[in-house]
């Protein structure tokens, strides 16, 4: 039976976060040593931030650490948070590891960055562990601060995601409205060009009509003047004939009287 047990911990146990853990051990071995192994509840997509008043009443520092910072489990292996007090060297080493992780992960310095948030969370958990080992009450108070910060960050993250979605929706609507306006402008431009062509055709037609009217008017004036001249000549001839007739009649009367 002993040969069937895994001889090395799985990779998820061997990963080294900023939070300090004891060496991994088998669950059965931990139970034999009297350590409390509490099976975690069904995992969810978001971490459960339980308030301090829901914490179980625990007296030992080891149990408080396990309640605040639950052990890691994978297959038959378990790894408890270390309850060793932190030295000045440990604090300096934590700072160096913290800076190295930020640089190696290429976390963004500003804005919402899950990688940077995870590294800061690990660092804060390690600080909570160090304080809790020295003073459990301070550790529990820091736990409340951590949970409040996480809830505030989650609220701001939700607000940011909502605002981004709202911005995208408005951008899509604006783009859609912009395209409609562009199409309307193109339509009005085409109508304007058609109307301009129609105006040019009407102007050309008007000029042709004005030219025809002017030519007709000139022709009528010329004809009228010719008729007037003809009538004047005719009138002049008739007057001359009338005078000639009057002179002949006068001569005939004078001859008869003699």
C-alpha atoms as a PDB file:
ATOM      1  CA  UNK A   1       0.000   0.000   0.000  1.00  0.00           C
ATOM      2  CA  UNK A   2       2.848   2.381   0.749  1.00  0.00           C
ATOM      3  CA  UNK A   3       4.264   1.896  -2.765  1.00  0.00           C
ATOM      4  CA  UNK A   4       1.020   3.196  -4.300  1.00  0.00           C
ATOM      5  CA  UNK A   5       1.337   6.579  -2.592  1.00  0.00           C
ATOM      6  CA  UNK A   6       2.950   9.409  -4.557  1.00  0.00           C
ATOM      7  CA  UNK A   7       6.534   9.957  -3.462  1.00  0.00           C
ATOM      8  CA  UNK A   8       6.729  13.589  -4.682  1.00  0.00           C
ATOM      9  CA  UNK A   9       4.211  16.414  -4.292  1.00  0.00           C
ATOM     10  CA  UNK A  10       2.359  17.608  -7.404  1.00  0.00           C
ATOM     11  CA  UNK A  11       3.534  20.782  -9.192  1.00  0.00           C
ATOM     12  CA  UNK A  12       0.802  22.966  -7.697  1.00  0.00           C
ATOM     13  CA  UNK A  13       2.183  22.172  -4.228  1.00  0.00           C
ATOM     14  CA  UNK A  14       5.770  22.860  -5.262  1.00  0.00           C
ATOM     15  CA  UNK A  15       5.056  26.365  -6.578  1.00  0.00           C
ATOM     16  CA  UNK A  16       6.595  28.994  -4.317  1.00  0.00           C
ATOM     17  CA  UNK A  17       4.340  31.997  -3.652  1.00  0.00           C
ATOM     18  CA  UNK A  18       5.366  34.891  -1.436  1.00  0.00           C
ATOM     19  CA  UNK A  19       3.372  33.343   1.410  1.00  0.00           C
ATOM     20  CA  UNK A  20       5.664  31.111   3.463  1.00  0.00           C
ATOM     21  CA  UNK A  21       4.556  27.470   3.819  1.00  0.00           C
ATOM     22  CA  UNK A  22       5.852  24.467   5.734  1.00  0.00           C
ATOM     23  CA  UNK A  23       7.261  21.569   3.702  1.00  0.00           C
ATOM     24  CA  UNK A  24       4.441  19.553   2.070  1.00  0.00           C
ATOM     25  CA  UNK A  25       3.306  16.337   3.716  1.00  0.00           C
ATOM     26  CA  UNK A  26       0.799  13.595   3.089  1.00  0.00           C
ATOM     27  CA  UNK A  27      -2.700  14.182   4.471  1.00  0.00           C
ATOM     28  CA  UNK A  28      -2.564  10.941   6.446  1.00  0.00           C
ATOM     29  CA  UNK A  29       0.722  12.008   7.988  1.00  0.00           C
ATOM     30  CA  UNK A  30      -0.726  15.383   8.935  1.00  0.00           C
ATOM     31  CA  UNK A  31      -3.681  13.696  10.630  1.00  0.00           C
ATOM     32  CA  UNK A  32      -1.335  11.456  12.583  1.00  0.00           C
ATOM     33  CA  UNK A  33       0.560  14.526  13.802  1.00  0.00           C
ATOM     34  CA  UNK A  34      -2.690  15.969  15.125  1.00  0.00           C
ATOM     35  CA  UNK A  35      -3.063  18.740  12.567  1.00  0.00           C
ATOM     36  CA  UNK A  36      -6.561  19.779  11.671  1.00  0.00           C
ATOM     37  CA  UNK A  37      -7.327  19.090   8.023  1.00  0.00           C
ATOM     38  CA  UNK A  38     -10.403  21.029   6.956  1.00  0.00           C
ATOM     39  CA  UNK A  39     -11.698  20.193   3.495  1.00  0.00           C
ATOM     40  CA  UNK A  40     -12.413  23.370   1.553  1.00  0.00           C
ATOM     41  CA  UNK A  41     -15.929  24.051   0.394  1.00  0.00           C
ATOM     42  CA  UNK A  42     -16.961  23.899  -3.246  1.00  0.00           C
ATOM     43  CA  UNK A  43     -14.710  26.357  -5.105  1.00  0.00           C
ATOM     44  CA  UNK A  44     -16.229  29.272  -6.916  1.00  0.00           C
ATOM     45  CA  UNK A  45     -14.977  31.538  -9.617  1.00  0.00           C
ATOM     46  CA  UNK A  46     -14.393  34.334  -7.085  1.00  0.00           C
ATOM     47  CA  UNK A  47     -12.707  34.034  -3.675  1.00  0.00           C
ATOM     48  CA  UNK A  48     -15.064  33.948  -0.709  1.00  0.00           C
ATOM     49  CA  UNK A  49     -14.458  36.934   1.516  1.00  0.00           C
ATOM     50  CA  UNK A  50     -15.938  35.917   4.837  1.00  0.00           C
ATOM     51  CA  UNK A  51     -16.306  38.620   7.527  1.00  0.00           C
ATOM     52  CA  UNK A  52     -14.489  38.336  10.831  1.00  0.00           C
ATOM     53  CA  UNK A  53     -17.649  37.574  12.825  1.00  0.00           C
ATOM     54  CA  UNK A  54     -18.141  34.372  10.803  1.00  0.00           C
ATOM     55  CA  UNK A  55     -14.684  33.069  11.759  1.00  0.00           C
ATOM     56  CA  UNK A  56     -14.710  30.084  14.144  1.00  0.00           C
ATOM     57  CA  UNK A  57     -13.635  30.678  17.713  1.00  0.00           C
ATOM     58  CA  UNK A  58     -10.019  29.495  17.785  1.00  0.00           C
ATOM     59  CA  UNK A  59      -7.462  29.875  20.496  1.00  0.00           C
ATOM     60  CA  UNK A  60      -4.150  28.498  19.182  1.00  0.00           C
ATOM     61  CA  UNK A  61      -2.009  30.521  16.785  1.00  0.00           C
ATOM     62  CA  UNK A  62      -1.664  27.510  14.484  1.00  0.00           C
ATOM     63  CA  UNK A  63      -5.435  27.106  14.185  1.00  0.00           C
ATOM     64  CA  UNK A  64      -5.838  30.856  13.642  1.00  0.00           C
ATOM     65  CA  UNK A  65      -3.292  30.745  10.821  1.00  0.00           C
ATOM     66  CA  UNK A  66      -5.047  27.790   9.213  1.00  0.00           C
ATOM     67  CA  UNK A  67      -8.378  29.622   9.464  1.00  0.00           C
ATOM     68  CA  UNK A  68      -7.019  32.870   8.045  1.00  0.00           C
ATOM     69  CA  UNK A  69      -4.721  31.277   5.458  1.00  0.00           C
ATOM     70  CA  UNK A  70      -6.009  27.770   4.648  1.00  0.00           C
ATOM     71  CA  UNK A  71      -3.464  25.071   3.716  1.00  0.00           C
ATOM     72  CA  UNK A  72      -2.908  24.080   0.093  1.00  0.00           C
ATOM     73  CA  UNK A  73      -4.087  20.622  -0.940  1.00  0.00           C
ATOM     74  CA  UNK A  74      -3.468  18.580  -4.060  1.00  0.00           C
ATOM     75  CA  UNK A  75      -4.254  14.879  -4.384  1.00  0.00           C
ATOM     76  CA  UNK A  76      -3.023  13.286  -1.106  1.00  0.00           C
ATOM     77  CA  UNK A  77      -0.649  16.104  -0.250  1.00  0.00           C
ATOM     78  CA  UNK A  78      -1.207  19.086   2.033  1.00  0.00           C
ATOM     79  CA  UNK A  79       0.928  22.102   2.886  1.00  0.00           C
ATOM     80  CA  UNK A  80       0.258  24.273   5.932  1.00  0.00           C
ATOM     81  CA  UNK A  81       1.181  27.918   6.343  1.00  0.00           C
ATOM     82  CA  UNK A  82       4.356  28.294   8.356  1.00  0.00           C
ATOM     83  CA  UNK A  83       4.005  29.469  11.957  1.00  0.00           C
ATOM     84  CA  UNK A  84       7.657  30.421  12.313  1.00  0.00           C
ATOM     85  CA  UNK A  85       8.247  34.008  13.453  1.00  0.00           C
ATOM     86  CA  UNK A  86       9.729  36.288  10.823  1.00  0.00           C
ATOM     87  CA  UNK A  87      13.170  37.766  11.238  1.00  0.00           C
ATOM     88  CA  UNK A  88      14.554  40.953   9.795  1.00  0.00           C
ATOM     89  CA  UNK A  89      16.208  38.841   7.105  1.00  0.00           C
ATOM     90  CA  UNK A  90      12.837  37.275   6.227  1.00  0.00           C
ATOM     91  CA  UNK A  91      11.282  40.729   5.784  1.00  0.00           C
ATOM     92  CA  UNK A  92      14.155  41.867   3.559  1.00  0.00           C
ATOM     93  CA  UNK A  93      13.939  38.610   1.588  1.00  0.00           C
ATOM     94  CA  UNK A  94      10.167  39.117   1.168  1.00  0.00           C
ATOM     95  CA  UNK A  95      10.766  42.574  -0.256  1.00  0.00           C
ATOM     96  CA  UNK A  96      13.369  41.252  -2.709  1.00  0.00           C
ATOM     97  CA  UNK A  97      11.099  38.404  -3.843  1.00  0.00           C
ATOM     98  CA  UNK A  98       8.217  40.849  -4.167  1.00  0.00           C
ATOM     99  CA  UNK A  99      10.223  43.141  -6.463  1.00  0.00           C
ATOM    100  CA  UNK A 100      11.555  40.188  -8.467  1.00  0.00           C
ATOM    101  CA  UNK A 101       8.064  38.775  -9.041  1.00  0.00           C
ATOM    102  CA  UNK A 102       6.766  42.153 -10.207  1.00  0.00           C
ATOM    103  CA  UNK A 103       9.661  42.479 -12.652  1.00  0.00           C
ATOM    104  CA  UNK A 104       9.531  38.870 -13.880  1.00  0.00           C
ATOM    105  CA  UNK A 105       5.752  38.883 -14.425  1.00  0.00           C
ATOM    106  CA  UNK A 106       5.922  42.227 -16.307  1.00  0.00           C
ATOM    107  CA  UNK A 107       2.940  43.464 -14.328  1.00  0.00           C
ATOM    108  CA  UNK A 108       1.517  46.820 -15.316  1.00  0.00           C
ATOM    109  CA  UNK A 109       2.324  49.660 -12.933  1.00  0.00           C
ATOM    110  CA  UNK A 110      -1.013  51.415 -13.397  1.00  0.00           C
ATOM    111  CA  UNK A 111      -4.581  50.422 -14.093  1.00  0.00           C
ATOM    112  CA  UNK A 112      -6.282  47.124 -13.308  1.00  0.00           C
ATOM    113  CA  UNK A 113      -3.739  44.310 -13.583  1.00  0.00           C
ATOM    114  CA  UNK A 114      -4.704  40.843 -12.238  1.00  0.00           C
ATOM    115  CA  UNK A 115      -1.046  39.768 -12.124  1.00  0.00           C
ATOM    116  CA  UNK A 116      -0.006  42.759 -10.006  1.00  0.00           C
ATOM    117  CA  UNK A 117      -3.056  42.298  -7.757  1.00  0.00           C
ATOM    118  CA  UNK A 118      -2.160  38.629  -7.191  1.00  0.00           C
ATOM    119  CA  UNK A 119       1.452  39.460  -6.261  1.00  0.00           C
ATOM    120  CA  UNK A 120       0.347  42.200  -3.860  1.00  0.00           C
ATOM    121  CA  UNK A 121      -2.208  39.793  -2.370  1.00  0.00           C
ATOM    122  CA  UNK A 122       0.475  37.170  -1.753  1.00  0.00           C
ATOM    123  CA  UNK A 123       2.737  39.764  -0.157  1.00  0.00           C
ATOM    124  CA  UNK A 124      -0.068  41.004   2.091  1.00  0.00           C
ATOM    125  CA  UNK A 125      -0.944  37.425   3.091  1.00  0.00           C
ATOM    126  CA  UNK A 126       2.671  36.889   4.121  1.00  0.00           C
ATOM    127  CA  UNK A 127       2.582  40.077   6.190  1.00  0.00           C
ATOM    128  CA  UNK A 128      -0.621  38.854   7.835  1.00  0.00           C
ATOM    129  CA  UNK A 129       1.109  35.553   8.596  1.00  0.00           C
ATOM    130  CA  UNK A 130       4.106  37.291  10.156  1.00  0.00           C
ATOM    131  CA  UNK A 131       1.918  39.564  12.292  1.00  0.00           C
ATOM    132  CA  UNK A 132      -0.430  36.733  13.316  1.00  0.00           C
ATOM    133  CA  UNK A 133       2.472  34.614  14.574  1.00  0.00           C
ATOM    134  CA  UNK A 134       3.485  37.447  16.899  1.00  0.00           C
ATOM    135  CA  UNK A 135       0.001  38.692  17.782  1.00  0.00           C
ATOM    136  CA  UNK A 136      -3.172  36.851  16.713  1.00  0.00           C
ATOM    137  CA  UNK A 137      -5.457  39.859  17.353  1.00  0.00           C
ATOM    138  CA  UNK A 138      -3.429  42.061  15.020  1.00  0.00           C
ATOM    139  CA  UNK A 139      -3.508  39.306  12.420  1.00  0.00           C
ATOM    140  CA  UNK A 140      -7.296  39.099  12.604  1.00  0.00           C
ATOM    141  CA  UNK A 141      -7.543  42.884  12.272  1.00  0.00           C
ATOM    142  CA  UNK A 142      -5.291  42.796   9.211  1.00  0.00           C
ATOM    143  CA  UNK A 143      -7.508  40.033   7.839  1.00  0.00           C
ATOM    144  CA  UNK A 144     -10.485  42.382   8.039  1.00  0.00           C
ATOM    145  CA  UNK A 145      -8.467  45.064   6.255  1.00  0.00           C
ATOM    146  CA  UNK A 146      -7.459  42.571   3.544  1.00  0.00           C
ATOM    147  CA  UNK A 147     -11.045  41.404   3.016  1.00  0.00           C
ATOM    148  CA  UNK A 148     -12.294  44.998   2.849  1.00  0.00           C
ATOM    149  CA  UNK A 149      -9.610  45.890   0.304  1.00  0.00           C
ATOM    150  CA  UNK A 150     -10.506  42.835  -1.786  1.00  0.00           C
ATOM    151  CA  UNK A 151     -14.212  43.691  -1.740  1.00  0.00           C
ATOM    152  CA  UNK A 152     -13.484  47.308  -2.653  1.00  0.00           C
ATOM    153  CA  UNK A 153     -11.175  46.203  -5.457  1.00  0.00           C
ATOM    154  CA  UNK A 154     -13.795  43.746  -6.719  1.00  0.00           C
ATOM    155  CA  UNK A 155     -16.403  46.534  -6.686  1.00  0.00           C
ATOM    156  CA  UNK A 156     -14.124  48.891  -8.614  1.00  0.00           C
ATOM    157  CA  UNK A 157     -13.267  46.102 -11.063  1.00  0.00           C
ATOM    158  CA  UNK A 158     -16.953  45.441 -11.681  1.00  0.00           C
ATOM    159  CA  UNK A 159     -17.575  49.170 -12.093  1.00  0.00           C
ATOM    160  CA  UNK A 160     -14.658  49.417 -14.533  1.00  0.00           C
ATOM    161  CA  UNK A 161     -15.837  46.441 -16.598  1.00  0.00           C
ATOM    162  CA  UNK A 162     -19.380  47.840 -16.643  1.00  0.00           C
ATOM    163  CA  UNK A 163     -18.129  51.250 -17.765  1.00  0.00           C
ATOM    164  CA  UNK A 164     -15.962  49.643 -20.463  1.00  0.00           C
ATOM    165  CA  UNK A 165     -18.945  47.650 -21.760  1.00  0.00           C
ATOM    166  CA  UNK A 166     -21.082  50.781 -21.679  1.00  0.00           C
ATOM    167  CA  UNK A 167     -18.383  52.711 -23.534  1.00  0.00           C
ATOM    168  CA  UNK A 168     -18.104  49.997 -26.177  1.00  0.00           C
ATOM    169  CA  UNK A 169     -21.879  49.971 -26.616  1.00  0.00           C
ATOM    170  CA  UNK A 170     -21.972  53.732 -27.027  1.00  0.00           C
ATOM    171  CA  UNK A 171     -19.039  53.584 -29.444  1.00  0.00           C
ATOM    172  CA  UNK A 172     -20.856  50.979 -31.552  1.00  0.00           C
ATOM    173  CA  UNK A 173     -24.018  53.088 -31.506  1.00  0.00           C
ATOM    174  CA  UNK A 174     -22.042  56.193 -32.434  1.00  0.00           C
ATOM    175  CA  UNK A 175     -20.313  54.322 -35.251  1.00  0.00           C
ATOM    176  CA  UNK A 176     -23.656  53.052 -36.487  1.00  0.00           C
ATOM    177  CA  UNK A 177     -25.122  56.553 -36.326  1.00  0.00           C
ATOM    178  CA  UNK A 178     -22.024  57.929 -38.047  1.00  0.00           C
ATOM    179  CA  UNK A 179     -22.485  55.525 -40.949  1.00  0.00           C
ATOM    180  CA  UNK A 180     -26.134  56.510 -41.250  1.00  0.00           C
ATOM    181  CA  UNK A 181     -25.132  60.179 -41.346  1.00  0.00           C
ATOM    182  CA  UNK A 182     -22.481  59.440 -43.990  1.00  0.00           C
ATOM    183  CA  UNK A 183     -25.053  57.583 -46.092  1.00  0.00           C
ATOM    184  CA  UNK A 184     -27.496  60.484 -45.685  1.00  0.00           C
ATOM    185  CA  UNK A 185     -24.789  62.959 -46.730  1.00  0.00           C
ATOM    186  CA  UNK A 186     -24.007  60.868 -49.814  1.00  0.00           C
ATOM    187  CA  UNK A 187     -27.698  60.708 -50.681  1.00  0.00           C
ATOM    188  CA  UNK A 188     -28.171  64.464 -50.253  1.00  0.00           C
ATOM    189  CA  UNK A 189     -25.001  65.129 -52.258  1.00  0.00           C
ATOM    190  CA  UNK A 190     -26.306  62.995 -55.120  1.00  0.00           C
ATOM    191  CA  UNK A 191     -29.666  64.778 -54.972  1.00  0.00           C
ATOM    192  CA  UNK A 192     -27.878  68.143 -54.966  1.00  0.00           C
ATOM    193  CA  UNK A 193     -25.866  67.183 -58.059  1.00  0.00           C
ATOM    194  CA  UNK A 194     -29.033  66.056 -59.841  1.00  0.00           C
ATOM    195  CA  UNK A 195     -30.765  69.322 -58.942  1.00  0.00           C
ATOM    196  CA  UNK A 196     -27.776  71.334 -60.151  1.00  0.00           C
ATOM    197  CA  UNK A 197     -27.878  69.484 -63.477  1.00  0.00           C
ATOM    198  CA  UNK A 198     -31.609  70.133 -63.703  1.00  0.00           C
ATOM    199  CA  UNK A 199     -31.043  73.832 -62.963  1.00  0.00           C
ATOM    200  CA  UNK A 200     -28.417  74.005 -65.720  1.00  0.00           C
ATOM    201  CA  UNK A 201     -30.820  72.382 -68.171  1.00  0.00           C
ATOM    202  CA  UNK A 202     -33.537  74.850 -67.214  1.00  0.00           C
ATOM    203  CA  UNK A 203     -31.123  77.784 -67.529  1.00  0.00           C
ATOM    204  CA  UNK A 204     -30.079  76.598 -71.009  1.00  0.00           C
ATOM    205  CA  UNK A 205     -33.728  76.198 -71.970  1.00  0.00           C
ATOM    206  CA  UNK A 206     -34.509  79.677 -70.607  1.00  0.00           C
ATOM    207  CA  UNK A 207     -31.666  81.214 -72.630  1.00  0.00           C
ATOM    208  CA  UNK A 208     -32.897  79.468 -75.770  1.00  0.00           C
ATOM    209  CA  UNK A 209     -36.421  80.720 -75.149  1.00  0.00           C
ATOM    210  CA  UNK A 210     -35.202  84.265 -74.515  1.00  0.00           C
ATOM    211  CA  UNK A 211     -33.186  84.131 -77.743  1.00  0.00           C
ATOM    212  CA  UNK A 212     -36.198  82.876 -79.698  1.00  0.00           C
ATOM    213  CA  UNK A 213     -38.429  85.553 -78.176  1.00  0.00           C
ATOM    214  CA  UNK A 214     -35.890  88.254 -78.963  1.00  0.00           C
ATOM    215  CA  UNK A 215     -35.489  87.054 -82.560  1.00  0.00           C
ATOM    216  CA  UNK A 216     -39.273  86.884 -82.970  1.00  0.00           C
ATOM    217  CA  UNK A 217     -39.627  90.349 -81.479  1.00  0.00           C
ATOM    218  CA  UNK A 218     -36.993  91.730 -83.825  1.00  0.00           C
ATOM    219  CA  UNK A 219     -38.692  90.032 -86.783  1.00  0.00           C
ATOM    220  CA  UNK A 220     -42.062  91.480 -85.757  1.00  0.00           C
ATOM    221  CA  UNK A 221     -40.591  94.949 -85.347  1.00  0.00           C
ATOM    222  CA  UNK A 222     -38.944  94.729 -88.756  1.00  0.00           C
ATOM    223  CA  UNK A 223     -42.186  93.579 -90.368  1.00  0.00           C
ATOM    224  CA  UNK A 224     -44.146  96.296 -88.626  1.00  0.00           C
ATOM    225  CA  UNK A 225     -41.670  98.922 -89.766  1.00  0.00           C
ATOM    226  CA  UNK A 226     -41.861  97.678 -93.346  1.00  0.00           C
ATOM    227  CA  UNK A 227     -45.646  97.790 -93.255  1.00  0.00           C
ATOM    228  CA  UNK A 228     -45.538 101.273 -91.763  1.00  0.00           C
ATOM    229  CA  UNK A 229     -43.165 102.455 -94.471  1.00  0.00           C
ATOM    230  CA  UNK A 230     -45.393 100.905 -97.154  1.00  0.00           C
ATOM    231  CA  UNK A 231     -48.474 102.597 -95.779  1.00  0.00           C
ATOM    232  CA  UNK A 232     -46.698 105.935 -95.553  1.00  0.00           C
ATOM    233  CA  UNK A 233     -45.576 105.691 -99.197  1.00  0.00           C
ATOM    234  CA  UNK A 234     -49.053 104.666-100.242  1.00  0.00           C
ATOM    235  CA  UNK A 235     -50.530 107.578 -98.326  1.00  0.00           C
ATOM    236  CA  UNK A 236     -48.068 109.951 -99.962  1.00  0.00           C
ATOM    237  CA  UNK A 237     -48.997 108.719-103.449  1.00  0.00           C
ATOM    238  CA  UNK A 238     -52.697 109.014-102.695  1.00  0.00           C
ATOM    239  CA  UNK A 239     -52.200 112.597-101.512  1.00  0.00           C
ATOM    240  CA  UNK A 240     -50.305 113.433-104.662  1.00  0.00           C
ATOM    241  CA  UNK A 241     -53.045 111.844-106.790  1.00  0.00           C
ATOM    242  CA  UNK A 242     -55.682 113.777-104.855  1.00  0.00           C
ATOM    243  CA  UNK A 243     -53.888 117.090-105.450  1.00  0.00           C
ATOM    244  CA  UNK A 244     -53.430 116.246-109.118  1.00  0.00           C
ATOM    245  CA  UNK A 245     -57.149 115.487-109.454  1.00  0.00           C
ATOM    246  CA  UNK A 246     -58.062 118.709-107.665  1.00  0.00           C
ATOM    247  CA  UNK A 247     -55.880 120.744-110.009  1.00  0.00           C
ATOM    248  CA  UNK A 248     -57.414 119.087-113.074  1.00  0.00           C
ATOM    249  CA  UNK A 249     -60.930 119.715-111.782  1.00  0.00           C
ATOM    250  CA  UNK A 250     -60.053 123.337-111.036  1.00  0.00           C
ATOM    251  CA  UNK A 251     -58.673 123.807-114.547  1.00  0.00           C
ATOM    252  CA  UNK A 252     -61.813 122.248-116.040  1.00  0.00           C
ATOM    253  CA  UNK A 253     -64.028 124.597-114.025  1.00  0.00           C
ATOM    254  CA  UNK A 254     -61.974 127.602-115.047  1.00  0.00           C
ATOM    255  CA  UNK A 255     -62.184 126.551-118.699  1.00  0.00           C
ATOM    256  CA  UNK A 256     -65.977 126.153-118.557  1.00  0.00           C
ATOM    257  CA  UNK A 257     -66.403 129.548-116.990  1.00  0.00           C
ATOM    258  CA  UNK A 258     -64.487 131.206-119.767  1.00  0.00           C
END
